[in-house]
Amino acid sequence: MIALRGIRHRFGAEVVLDDLDLDLDEGRVTALTGPNGSGKTTLSRFLLGLSVPDAGEVRGVADLRRAAVFQENRLCEQLSAVANVRLVLPRATLSSVVAAELRRTGLDDSDLTKPVRDLSGGQRRRVAIVRAVMAGADLLVLDEPFTGLDVLGKVQVMTWVRDHCAGQTTLLITHDLAEARWFGARVVTLAQR
């Protein structure tokens, strides 16, 4: 079980998280909501091992493979969409398999081979999402993953993610409760301190 116990963290004099306990249900989506500044992204960084809380502990993640969609896409701009996704996959994975998944999220054939720096923001977002989901992690963290997608594109990508993440332990950080409902997530709301 993934559990955070007694998590406390501050930025300077500002306390962001104070004595927080949270369990992530294995094989399910947990949606983390709350106002800006309430500690959602900070909490995700603890789960990913990118930061350490001032106090408390994160249990059950040490041996897990983790993947994330951050608020920034964090792509290799000079590589193609297919090459960016293949970075996290076994070498034997065929480019055609990756291309098929990218197409299912709304990318055209012409988008698959050009450098991602030449794609639109929404297209780059799709690549970042596909890369994280296809990594096959034990824990998937999605931090505002659907930001920047138009309405129809958002539904298409959310459907793809839901289909591919079934049975995977996932933390979805979102301001949109409709997204949480779409995934059938257990909703945890952080309060502003």
N, C-alpha and C. Protein backbone atom coordinates (compact mmCIF):
# COMPACT_ATOMS: atom_id res chain seq x y z
N MET A 1 0.85 -1.19 0.00
CA MET A 1 0.00 0.00 0.00
C MET A 1 0.89 1.24 0.00
N ILE A 2 0.48 2.24 -0.79
CA ILE A 2 1.18 3.52 -0.80
C ILE A 2 0.50 4.42 0.23
N ALA A 3 1.29 4.93 1.15
CA ALA A 3 0.72 5.73 2.23
C ALA A 3 1.65 6.88 2.57
N LEU A 4 1.07 8.03 2.82
CA LEU A 4 1.79 9.18 3.34
C LEU A 4 1.30 9.38 4.76
N ARG A 5 2.23 9.54 5.69
CA ARG A 5 1.87 9.65 7.09
C ARG A 5 2.55 10.86 7.72
N GLY A 6 1.73 11.71 8.34
CA GLY A 6 2.25 12.85 9.09
C GLY A 6 3.06 13.82 8.25
N ILE A 7 2.68 13.99 7.01
CA ILE A 7 3.46 14.83 6.09
C ILE A 7 3.31 16.30 6.48
N ARG A 8 4.47 16.92 6.70
CA ARG A 8 4.53 18.36 6.97
C ARG A 8 5.55 18.96 6.02
N HIS A 9 5.19 20.12 5.47
CA HIS A 9 6.14 20.80 4.58
C HIS A 9 5.82 22.28 4.53
N ARG A 10 6.89 23.05 4.45
CA ARG A 10 6.73 24.50 4.35
C ARG A 10 7.67 25.03 3.30
N PHE A 11 7.31 26.16 2.76
CA PHE A 11 8.18 26.93 1.87
C PHE A 11 8.45 28.23 2.60
N GLY A 12 9.65 28.35 3.13
CA GLY A 12 9.96 29.52 3.96
C GLY A 12 9.10 29.47 5.21
N ALA A 13 8.40 30.56 5.49
CA ALA A 13 7.53 30.62 6.67
C ALA A 13 6.14 30.05 6.39
N GLU A 14 5.84 29.78 5.13
CA GLU A 14 4.49 29.33 4.76
C GLU A 14 4.36 27.81 4.87
N VAL A 15 3.46 27.37 5.75
CA VAL A 15 3.17 25.94 5.89
C VAL A 15 2.21 25.55 4.77
N VAL A 16 2.62 24.57 3.97
CA VAL A 16 1.79 24.12 2.85
C VAL A 16 1.01 22.86 3.23
N LEU A 17 1.70 21.90 3.84
CA LEU A 17 1.07 20.66 4.28
C LEU A 17 1.38 20.48 5.76
N ASP A 18 0.36 20.13 6.54
CA ASP A 18 0.56 20.02 7.98
C ASP A 18 -0.12 18.76 8.51
N ASP A 19 0.71 17.76 8.83
CA ASP A 19 0.24 16.51 9.43
C ASP A 19 -0.77 15.80 8.52
N LEU A 20 -0.42 15.68 7.24
CA LEU A 20 -1.31 15.06 6.25
C LEU A 20 -1.10 13.56 6.21
N ASP A 21 -2.19 12.83 6.22
CA ASP A 21 -2.19 11.38 5.99
C ASP A 21 -2.98 11.11 4.72
N LEU A 22 -2.46 10.24 3.87
CA LEU A 22 -3.15 9.90 2.62
C LEU A 22 -2.76 8.50 2.20
N ASP A 23 -3.76 7.69 1.83
CA ASP A 23 -3.53 6.37 1.26
C ASP A 23 -3.96 6.40 -0.20
N LEU A 24 -3.16 5.76 -1.06
CA LEU A 24 -3.56 5.58 -2.45
C LEU A 24 -4.04 4.15 -2.61
N ASP A 25 -5.26 3.99 -3.07
CA ASP A 25 -5.83 2.67 -3.25
C ASP A 25 -5.13 1.95 -4.40
N GLU A 26 -4.64 0.76 -4.13
CA GLU A 26 -3.94 0.00 -5.15
C GLU A 26 -4.88 -0.33 -6.31
N GLY A 27 -4.42 -0.06 -7.52
CA GLY A 27 -5.19 -0.38 -8.71
C GLY A 27 -6.33 0.57 -9.01
N ARG A 28 -6.39 1.71 -8.31
CA ARG A 28 -7.48 2.66 -8.51
C ARG A 28 -6.93 4.06 -8.74
N VAL A 29 -7.82 4.92 -9.19
CA VAL A 29 -7.47 6.33 -9.39
C VAL A 29 -7.90 7.11 -8.15
N THR A 30 -6.97 7.87 -7.60
CA THR A 30 -7.27 8.82 -6.54
C THR A 30 -7.10 10.20 -7.13
N ALA A 31 -8.13 11.03 -7.03
CA ALA A 31 -8.06 12.40 -7.54
C ALA A 31 -7.77 13.34 -6.39
N LEU A 32 -6.76 14.17 -6.57
CA LEU A 32 -6.37 15.15 -5.57
C LEU A 32 -6.78 16.53 -6.08
N THR A 33 -7.65 17.19 -5.34
CA THR A 33 -8.14 18.50 -5.74
C THR A 33 -7.83 19.51 -4.63
N GLY A 34 -8.08 20.75 -4.94
CA GLY A 34 -7.85 21.81 -3.97
C GLY A 34 -7.37 23.05 -4.67
N PRO A 35 -7.39 24.18 -3.97
CA PRO A 35 -6.99 25.44 -4.60
C PRO A 35 -5.49 25.47 -4.89
N ASN A 36 -5.10 26.38 -5.76
CA ASN A 36 -3.68 26.59 -6.02
C ASN A 36 -2.97 26.89 -4.71
N GLY A 37 -1.80 26.32 -4.53
CA GLY A 37 -1.03 26.56 -3.32
C GLY A 37 -1.35 25.65 -2.16
N SER A 38 -2.26 24.69 -2.36
CA SER A 38 -2.65 23.81 -1.25
C SER A 38 -1.71 22.62 -1.08
N GLY A 39 -0.76 22.44 -2.00
CA GLY A 39 0.23 21.39 -1.84
C GLY A 39 0.06 20.17 -2.72
N LYS A 40 -0.79 20.25 -3.72
CA LYS A 40 -1.05 19.08 -4.58
C LYS A 40 0.21 18.63 -5.32
N THR A 41 0.84 19.55 -6.02
CA THR A 41 2.05 19.19 -6.78
C THR A 41 3.18 18.82 -5.84
N THR A 42 3.29 19.50 -4.73
CA THR A 42 4.33 19.17 -3.73
C THR A 42 4.17 17.74 -3.26
N LEU A 43 2.93 17.35 -3.00
CA LEU A 43 2.65 15.98 -2.57
C LEU A 43 3.05 14.98 -3.65
N SER A 44 2.78 15.30 -4.90
CA SER A 44 3.14 14.39 -5.99
C SER A 44 4.66 14.24 -6.08
N ARG A 45 5.39 15.31 -5.82
CA ARG A 45 6.86 15.25 -5.87
C ARG A 45 7.40 14.32 -4.78
N PHE A 46 6.73 14.26 -3.63
CA PHE A 46 7.13 13.32 -2.58
C PHE A 46 6.92 11.88 -3.05
N LEU A 47 5.78 11.62 -3.67
CA LEU A 47 5.48 10.27 -4.16
C LEU A 47 6.46 9.83 -5.24
N LEU A 48 6.90 10.78 -6.06
CA LEU A 48 7.82 10.46 -7.15
C LEU A 48 9.28 10.41 -6.70
N GLY A 49 9.53 10.80 -5.45
CA GLY A 49 10.90 10.80 -4.95
C GLY A 49 11.72 11.98 -5.42
N LEU A 50 11.06 13.04 -5.89
CA LEU A 50 11.75 14.23 -6.38
C LEU A 50 11.99 15.25 -5.28
N SER A 51 11.27 15.14 -4.19
CA SER A 51 11.43 16.02 -3.02
C SER A 51 11.18 15.19 -1.78
N VAL A 52 11.61 15.73 -0.65
CA VAL A 52 11.43 15.06 0.64
C VAL A 52 10.67 16.01 1.55
N PRO A 53 9.65 15.52 2.26
CA PRO A 53 8.92 16.40 3.17
C PRO A 53 9.79 16.80 4.36
N ASP A 54 9.43 17.91 4.99
CA ASP A 54 10.14 18.34 6.18
C ASP A 54 9.95 17.35 7.33
N ALA A 55 8.78 16.73 7.38
CA ALA A 55 8.49 15.72 8.40
C ALA A 55 7.50 14.72 7.83
N GLY A 56 7.46 13.56 8.44
CA GLY A 56 6.54 12.51 7.98
C GLY A 56 7.26 11.53 7.07
N GLU A 57 6.49 10.57 6.58
CA GLU A 57 7.10 9.56 5.71
C GLU A 57 6.18 9.14 4.58
N VAL A 58 6.81 8.71 3.50
CA VAL A 58 6.11 8.17 2.34
C VAL A 58 6.43 6.68 2.31
N ARG A 59 5.41 5.86 2.41
CA ARG A 59 5.60 4.41 2.48
C ARG A 59 5.12 3.73 1.20
N GLY A 60 5.79 2.64 0.86
CA GLY A 60 5.31 1.77 -0.21
C GLY A 60 5.71 2.17 -1.61
N VAL A 61 6.63 3.12 -1.77
CA VAL A 61 7.02 3.54 -3.13
C VAL A 61 8.46 3.18 -3.48
N ALA A 62 9.24 2.74 -2.51
CA ALA A 62 10.68 2.55 -2.72
C ALA A 62 10.99 1.65 -3.91
N ASP A 63 10.26 0.57 -4.06
CA ASP A 63 10.57 -0.40 -5.13
C ASP A 63 9.63 -0.29 -6.32
N LEU A 64 8.82 0.75 -6.35
CA LEU A 64 7.87 0.90 -7.45
C LEU A 64 8.48 1.63 -8.64
N ARG A 65 8.06 1.22 -9.83
CA ARG A 65 8.37 1.99 -11.03
C ARG A 65 7.34 3.11 -11.09
N ARG A 66 7.80 4.34 -11.27
CA ARG A 66 6.92 5.50 -11.25
C ARG A 66 7.04 6.28 -12.56
N ALA A 67 5.92 6.83 -12.99
CA ALA A 67 5.90 7.67 -14.19
C ALA A 67 4.97 8.84 -13.91
N ALA A 68 5.18 9.93 -14.65
CA ALA A 68 4.38 11.13 -14.39
C ALA A 68 4.17 11.94 -15.64
N VAL A 69 3.02 12.61 -15.65
CA VAL A 69 2.79 13.73 -16.56
C VAL A 69 2.83 14.96 -15.66
N PHE A 70 3.83 15.79 -15.88
CA PHE A 70 4.00 17.01 -15.09
C PHE A 70 3.18 18.13 -15.70
N GLN A 71 3.10 19.25 -15.03
CA GLN A 71 2.40 20.40 -15.60
C GLN A 71 3.11 20.91 -16.85
N GLU A 72 4.43 20.71 -16.92
CA GLU A 72 5.18 20.99 -18.14
C GLU A 72 5.37 19.66 -18.87
N ASN A 73 5.47 19.69 -20.19
CA ASN A 73 5.54 18.44 -20.95
C ASN A 73 6.85 17.68 -20.78
N ARG A 74 7.95 18.37 -20.61
CA ARG A 74 9.26 17.75 -20.39
C ARG A 74 9.62 16.74 -21.47
N LEU A 75 9.44 17.14 -22.70
CA LEU A 75 9.78 16.30 -23.84
C LEU A 75 11.17 16.65 -24.36
N CYS A 76 11.75 15.74 -25.11
CA CYS A 76 13.00 16.02 -25.83
C CYS A 76 12.59 16.68 -27.14
N GLU A 77 12.70 17.99 -27.19
CA GLU A 77 12.12 18.80 -28.27
C GLU A 77 12.63 18.44 -29.66
N GLN A 78 13.88 17.93 -29.77
CA GLN A 78 14.44 17.63 -31.07
C GLN A 78 14.01 16.26 -31.59
N LEU A 79 13.44 15.43 -30.71
CA LEU A 79 13.00 14.09 -31.11
C LEU A 79 11.55 14.12 -31.59
N SER A 80 11.20 13.14 -32.37
CA SER A 80 9.82 13.01 -32.85
C SER A 80 8.91 12.53 -31.72
N ALA A 81 7.61 12.57 -31.98
CA ALA A 81 6.64 12.06 -31.01
C ALA A 81 6.91 10.59 -30.71
N VAL A 82 7.11 9.80 -31.74
CA VAL A 82 7.36 8.37 -31.57
C VAL A 82 8.65 8.16 -30.78
N ALA A 83 9.71 8.88 -31.11
CA ALA A 83 10.99 8.71 -30.41
C ALA A 83 10.88 9.11 -28.95
N ASN A 84 10.12 10.15 -28.63
CA ASN A 84 9.93 10.55 -27.24
C ASN A 84 9.27 9.44 -26.44
N VAL A 85 8.27 8.80 -26.99
CA VAL A 85 7.59 7.72 -26.26
C VAL A 85 8.50 6.51 -26.14
N ARG A 86 9.24 6.21 -27.18
CA ARG A 86 10.11 5.02 -27.16
C ARG A 86 11.21 5.12 -26.11
N LEU A 87 11.52 6.34 -25.65
CA LEU A 87 12.54 6.51 -24.62
C LEU A 87 12.25 5.71 -23.35
N VAL A 88 10.97 5.49 -23.06
CA VAL A 88 10.59 4.82 -21.80
C VAL A 88 10.19 3.37 -22.00
N LEU A 89 10.32 2.88 -23.23
CA LEU A 89 9.85 1.53 -23.55
C LEU A 89 11.02 0.58 -23.80
N PRO A 90 10.79 -0.72 -23.67
CA PRO A 90 11.83 -1.68 -24.02
C PRO A 90 12.25 -1.48 -25.49
N ARG A 91 13.52 -1.72 -25.77
CA ARG A 91 14.04 -1.51 -27.12
C ARG A 91 13.28 -2.29 -28.19
N ALA A 92 12.74 -3.43 -27.82
CA ALA A 92 12.05 -4.27 -28.80
C ALA A 92 10.68 -3.72 -29.20
N THR A 93 10.21 -2.69 -28.52
CA THR A 93 8.90 -2.13 -28.85
C THR A 93 8.95 -1.49 -30.23
N LEU A 94 8.04 -1.89 -31.07
CA LEU A 94 8.01 -1.40 -32.45
C LEU A 94 7.49 0.04 -32.51
N SER A 95 8.09 0.81 -33.39
CA SER A 95 7.62 2.18 -33.62
C SER A 95 6.18 2.19 -34.08
N SER A 96 5.78 1.16 -34.82
CA SER A 96 4.39 1.11 -35.32
C SER A 96 3.39 0.98 -34.17
N VAL A 97 3.79 0.29 -33.10
CA VAL A 97 2.91 0.16 -31.92
C VAL A 97 2.74 1.52 -31.26
N VAL A 98 3.84 2.24 -31.09
CA VAL A 98 3.80 3.57 -30.49
C VAL A 98 2.97 4.51 -31.36
N ALA A 99 3.21 4.48 -32.66
CA ALA A 99 2.48 5.35 -33.58
C ALA A 99 0.98 5.10 -33.50
N ALA A 100 0.58 3.85 -33.39
CA ALA A 100 -0.85 3.51 -33.31
C ALA A 100 -1.48 4.13 -32.06
N GLU A 101 -0.77 4.06 -30.93
CA GLU A 101 -1.30 4.65 -29.69
C GLU A 101 -1.38 6.17 -29.80
N LEU A 102 -0.37 6.79 -30.37
CA LEU A 102 -0.40 8.25 -30.54
C LEU A 102 -1.56 8.66 -31.44
N ARG A 103 -1.82 7.88 -32.48
CA ARG A 103 -2.97 8.18 -33.37
C ARG A 103 -4.29 8.11 -32.59
N ARG A 104 -4.39 7.17 -31.67
CA ARG A 104 -5.63 7.01 -30.90
C ARG A 104 -5.90 8.22 -30.01
N THR A 105 -4.88 9.01 -29.72
CA THR A 105 -5.09 10.22 -28.92
C THR A 105 -5.34 11.44 -29.79
N GLY A 106 -5.32 11.27 -31.11
CA GLY A 106 -5.66 12.37 -32.00
C GLY A 106 -4.52 12.93 -32.83
N LEU A 107 -3.34 12.33 -32.78
CA LEU A 107 -2.24 12.81 -33.63
C LEU A 107 -2.38 12.21 -35.03
N ASP A 108 -2.06 13.00 -36.03
CA ASP A 108 -2.07 12.55 -37.42
C ASP A 108 -0.73 11.92 -37.77
N ASP A 109 -0.70 11.15 -38.86
CA ASP A 109 0.55 10.54 -39.31
C ASP A 109 1.64 11.58 -39.51
N SER A 110 1.28 12.73 -40.02
CA SER A 110 2.28 13.77 -40.29
C SER A 110 2.87 14.34 -39.00
N ASP A 111 2.19 14.16 -37.86
CA ASP A 111 2.68 14.66 -36.57
C ASP A 111 3.66 13.71 -35.89
N LEU A 112 3.71 12.49 -36.35
CA LEU A 112 4.44 11.45 -35.61
C LEU A 112 5.95 11.49 -35.81
N THR A 113 6.41 12.02 -36.93
CA THR A 113 7.84 11.94 -37.24
C THR A 113 8.56 13.27 -37.17
N LYS A 114 7.84 14.37 -37.09
CA LYS A 114 8.52 15.67 -37.00
C LYS A 114 8.95 15.94 -35.57
N PRO A 115 9.96 16.78 -35.36
CA PRO A 115 10.37 17.09 -33.99
C PRO A 115 9.19 17.66 -33.20
N VAL A 116 9.08 17.28 -31.93
CA VAL A 116 7.94 17.73 -31.15
C VAL A 116 7.93 19.25 -30.97
N ARG A 117 9.08 19.91 -31.12
CA ARG A 117 9.10 21.38 -31.03
C ARG A 117 8.23 22.01 -32.13
N ASP A 118 7.95 21.25 -33.20
CA ASP A 118 7.13 21.76 -34.31
C ASP A 118 5.65 21.44 -34.14
N LEU A 119 5.29 20.77 -33.05
CA LEU A 119 3.89 20.43 -32.80
C LEU A 119 3.22 21.54 -31.98
N SER A 120 1.91 21.56 -32.01
CA SER A 120 1.16 22.51 -31.19
C SER A 120 1.24 22.09 -29.72
N GLY A 121 0.80 22.99 -28.84
CA GLY A 121 0.81 22.68 -27.41
C GLY A 121 -0.03 21.46 -27.08
N GLY A 122 -1.21 21.36 -27.68
CA GLY A 122 -2.07 20.21 -27.43
C GLY A 122 -1.48 18.92 -27.96
N GLN A 123 -0.80 18.98 -29.09
CA GLN A 123 -0.16 17.79 -29.63
C GLN A 123 1.00 17.34 -28.74
N ARG A 124 1.78 18.30 -28.26
CA ARG A 124 2.89 17.95 -27.35
C ARG A 124 2.34 17.35 -26.06
N ARG A 125 1.20 17.87 -25.60
CA ARG A 125 0.59 17.33 -24.38
C ARG A 125 0.21 15.88 -24.57
N ARG A 126 -0.34 15.55 -25.72
CA ARG A 126 -0.70 14.17 -26.02
C ARG A 126 0.54 13.26 -25.96
N VAL A 127 1.65 13.72 -26.52
CA VAL A 127 2.88 12.92 -26.51
C VAL A 127 3.33 12.68 -25.07
N ALA A 128 3.30 13.72 -24.24
CA ALA A 128 3.72 13.57 -22.85
C ALA A 128 2.83 12.56 -22.12
N ILE A 129 1.54 12.61 -22.37
CA ILE A 129 0.60 11.69 -21.73
C ILE A 129 0.85 10.25 -22.18
N VAL A 130 0.98 10.06 -23.48
CA VAL A 130 1.21 8.70 -24.00
C VAL A 130 2.51 8.15 -23.45
N ARG A 131 3.55 8.97 -23.40
CA ARG A 131 4.85 8.50 -22.89
C ARG A 131 4.72 8.02 -21.44
N ALA A 132 4.05 8.79 -20.60
CA ALA A 132 3.92 8.40 -19.19
C ALA A 132 3.06 7.15 -19.03
N VAL A 133 1.96 7.09 -19.73
CA VAL A 133 1.05 5.96 -19.58
C VAL A 133 1.68 4.67 -20.12
N MET A 134 2.38 4.76 -21.25
CA MET A 134 2.96 3.56 -21.84
C MET A 134 4.20 3.07 -21.10
N ALA A 135 4.71 3.86 -20.17
CA ALA A 135 5.90 3.45 -19.42
C ALA A 135 5.66 2.21 -18.58
N GLY A 136 4.40 1.89 -18.32
CA GLY A 136 4.07 0.68 -17.57
C GLY A 136 4.47 0.76 -16.11
N ALA A 137 4.30 1.93 -15.52
CA ALA A 137 4.71 2.14 -14.13
C ALA A 137 3.72 1.50 -13.16
N ASP A 138 4.23 1.25 -11.95
CA ASP A 138 3.36 0.75 -10.87
C ASP A 138 2.53 1.89 -10.29
N LEU A 139 3.09 3.11 -10.35
CA LEU A 139 2.40 4.31 -9.87
C LEU A 139 2.48 5.37 -10.95
N LEU A 140 1.33 5.86 -11.37
CA LEU A 140 1.25 6.89 -12.39
C LEU A 140 0.71 8.16 -11.74
N VAL A 141 1.45 9.25 -11.87
CA VAL A 141 1.03 10.55 -11.33
C VAL A 141 0.71 11.45 -12.51
N LEU A 142 -0.50 11.98 -12.53
CA LEU A 142 -0.96 12.87 -13.60
C LEU A 142 -1.28 14.23 -12.99
N ASP A 143 -0.43 15.21 -13.22
CA ASP A 143 -0.59 16.54 -12.63
C ASP A 143 -1.18 17.49 -13.66
N GLU A 144 -2.48 17.74 -13.53
CA GLU A 144 -3.23 18.58 -14.48
C GLU A 144 -2.93 18.14 -15.92
N PRO A 145 -3.12 16.86 -16.22
CA PRO A 145 -2.65 16.33 -17.50
C PRO A 145 -3.41 16.82 -18.73
N PHE A 146 -4.65 17.25 -18.57
CA PHE A 146 -5.47 17.57 -19.73
C PHE A 146 -5.55 19.06 -20.04
N THR A 147 -4.75 19.84 -19.32
CA THR A 147 -4.69 21.28 -19.56
C THR A 147 -4.17 21.53 -20.97
N GLY A 148 -4.81 22.45 -21.66
CA GLY A 148 -4.36 22.81 -23.00
C GLY A 148 -5.00 22.01 -24.12
N LEU A 149 -5.86 21.06 -23.78
CA LEU A 149 -6.54 20.29 -24.81
C LEU A 149 -7.92 20.89 -25.06
N ASP A 150 -8.32 20.95 -26.33
CA ASP A 150 -9.66 21.43 -26.65
C ASP A 150 -10.68 20.40 -26.17
N VAL A 151 -11.94 20.78 -26.16
CA VAL A 151 -12.99 19.93 -25.56
C VAL A 151 -13.04 18.54 -26.18
N LEU A 152 -13.08 18.46 -27.51
CA LEU A 152 -13.16 17.15 -28.15
C LEU A 152 -11.87 16.36 -27.95
N GLY A 153 -10.73 17.03 -28.05
CA GLY A 153 -9.46 16.36 -27.83
C GLY A 153 -9.33 15.84 -26.41
N LYS A 154 -9.84 16.61 -25.47
CA LYS A 154 -9.78 16.21 -24.07
C LYS A 154 -10.56 14.92 -23.84
N VAL A 155 -11.75 14.82 -24.40
CA VAL A 155 -12.55 13.61 -24.24
C VAL A 155 -11.84 12.42 -24.87
N GLN A 156 -11.26 12.62 -26.04
CA GLN A 156 -10.54 11.54 -26.72
C GLN A 156 -9.35 11.06 -25.90
N VAL A 157 -8.57 11.99 -25.38
CA VAL A 157 -7.38 11.63 -24.61
C VAL A 157 -7.78 11.03 -23.26
N MET A 158 -8.78 11.59 -22.61
CA MET A 158 -9.23 11.03 -21.32
C MET A 158 -9.73 9.60 -21.49
N THR A 159 -10.44 9.34 -22.58
CA THR A 159 -10.91 7.98 -22.85
C THR A 159 -9.73 7.04 -23.03
N TRP A 160 -8.74 7.48 -23.80
CA TRP A 160 -7.54 6.66 -24.03
C TRP A 160 -6.83 6.37 -22.70
N VAL A 161 -6.66 7.40 -21.88
CA VAL A 161 -5.98 7.22 -20.59
C VAL A 161 -6.78 6.26 -19.70
N ARG A 162 -8.08 6.47 -19.62
CA ARG A 162 -8.91 5.61 -18.77
C ARG A 162 -8.80 4.15 -19.20
N ASP A 163 -8.82 3.91 -20.50
CA ASP A 163 -8.73 2.54 -21.00
C ASP A 163 -7.37 1.91 -20.69
N HIS A 164 -6.31 2.71 -20.77
CA HIS A 164 -4.97 2.18 -20.58
C HIS A 164 -4.54 2.11 -19.11
N CYS A 165 -5.23 2.83 -18.25
CA CYS A 165 -4.83 2.86 -16.83
C CYS A 165 -5.73 2.01 -15.94
N ALA A 166 -6.64 1.29 -16.54
CA ALA A 166 -7.53 0.44 -15.74
C ALA A 166 -6.69 -0.53 -14.91
N GLY A 167 -6.92 -0.55 -13.61
CA GLY A 167 -6.20 -1.44 -12.72
C GLY A 167 -4.83 -0.94 -12.28
N GLN A 168 -4.47 0.28 -12.67
CA GLN A 168 -3.18 0.85 -12.31
C GLN A 168 -3.36 1.86 -11.18
N THR A 169 -2.46 1.88 -10.23
CA THR A 169 -2.52 2.86 -9.15
C THR A 169 -2.15 4.22 -9.74
N THR A 170 -3.10 5.16 -9.67
CA THR A 170 -2.93 6.45 -10.33
C THR A 170 -3.34 7.57 -9.39
N LEU A 171 -2.54 8.63 -9.38
CA LEU A 171 -2.90 9.87 -8.69
C LEU A 171 -3.16 10.91 -9.76
N LEU A 172 -4.39 11.41 -9.80
CA LEU A 172 -4.79 12.44 -10.74
C LEU A 172 -4.95 13.75 -9.98
N ILE A 173 -4.12 14.72 -10.31
CA ILE A 173 -4.23 16.05 -9.70
C ILE A 173 -5.02 16.91 -10.66
N THR A 174 -6.13 17.47 -10.17
CA THR A 174 -7.00 18.23 -11.06
C THR A 174 -7.81 19.24 -10.27
N HIS A 175 -8.18 20.31 -10.95
CA HIS A 175 -9.14 21.27 -10.40
C HIS A 175 -10.56 20.94 -10.87
N ASP A 176 -10.67 20.00 -11.79
CA ASP A 176 -11.93 19.71 -12.48
C ASP A 176 -12.54 18.42 -11.93
N LEU A 177 -13.60 18.56 -11.14
CA LEU A 177 -14.25 17.38 -10.56
C LEU A 177 -14.87 16.49 -11.62
N ALA A 178 -15.22 17.05 -12.78
CA ALA A 178 -15.75 16.23 -13.86
C ALA A 178 -14.70 15.23 -14.34
N GLU A 179 -13.43 15.65 -14.35
CA GLU A 179 -12.35 14.72 -14.72
C GLU A 179 -12.27 13.59 -13.71
N ALA A 180 -12.35 13.92 -12.43
CA ALA A 180 -12.29 12.90 -11.39
C ALA A 180 -13.44 11.91 -11.55
N ARG A 181 -14.63 12.42 -11.82
CA ARG A 181 -15.79 11.53 -12.01
C ARG A 181 -15.60 10.65 -13.25
N TRP A 182 -15.03 11.21 -14.31
CA TRP A 182 -14.79 10.47 -15.56
C TRP A 182 -13.99 9.19 -15.27
N PHE A 183 -13.03 9.31 -14.35
CA PHE A 183 -12.16 8.18 -14.02
C PHE A 183 -12.71 7.34 -12.86
N GLY A 184 -13.86 7.72 -12.32
CA GLY A 184 -14.41 6.98 -11.19
C GLY A 184 -13.50 7.05 -9.98
N ALA A 185 -12.85 8.18 -9.83
CA ALA A 185 -11.81 8.33 -8.81
C ALA A 185 -12.39 8.60 -7.42
N ARG A 186 -11.64 8.17 -6.43
CA ARG A 186 -11.89 8.62 -5.06
C ARG A 186 -11.29 10.01 -4.97
N VAL A 187 -12.07 10.98 -4.48
CA VAL A 187 -11.64 12.37 -4.46
C VAL A 187 -11.16 12.75 -3.07
N VAL A 188 -9.95 13.34 -3.03
CA VAL A 188 -9.38 13.88 -1.79
C VAL A 188 -9.14 15.36 -2.05
N THR A 189 -9.67 16.21 -1.19
CA THR A 189 -9.53 17.66 -1.37
C THR A 189 -8.60 18.23 -0.30
N LEU A 190 -7.57 18.91 -0.77
CA LEU A 190 -6.66 19.62 0.14
C LEU A 190 -7.18 21.02 0.37
N ALA A 191 -7.13 21.47 1.60
CA ALA A 191 -7.58 22.82 1.94
C ALA A 191 -6.40 23.78 1.86
N GLN A 192 -6.71 25.02 1.56
CA GLN A 192 -5.69 26.08 1.59
C GLN A 192 -5.29 26.31 3.02
N ARG A 193 -4.00 26.42 3.30
CA ARG A 193 -3.53 26.66 4.66
C ARG A 193 -3.53 28.14 4.94
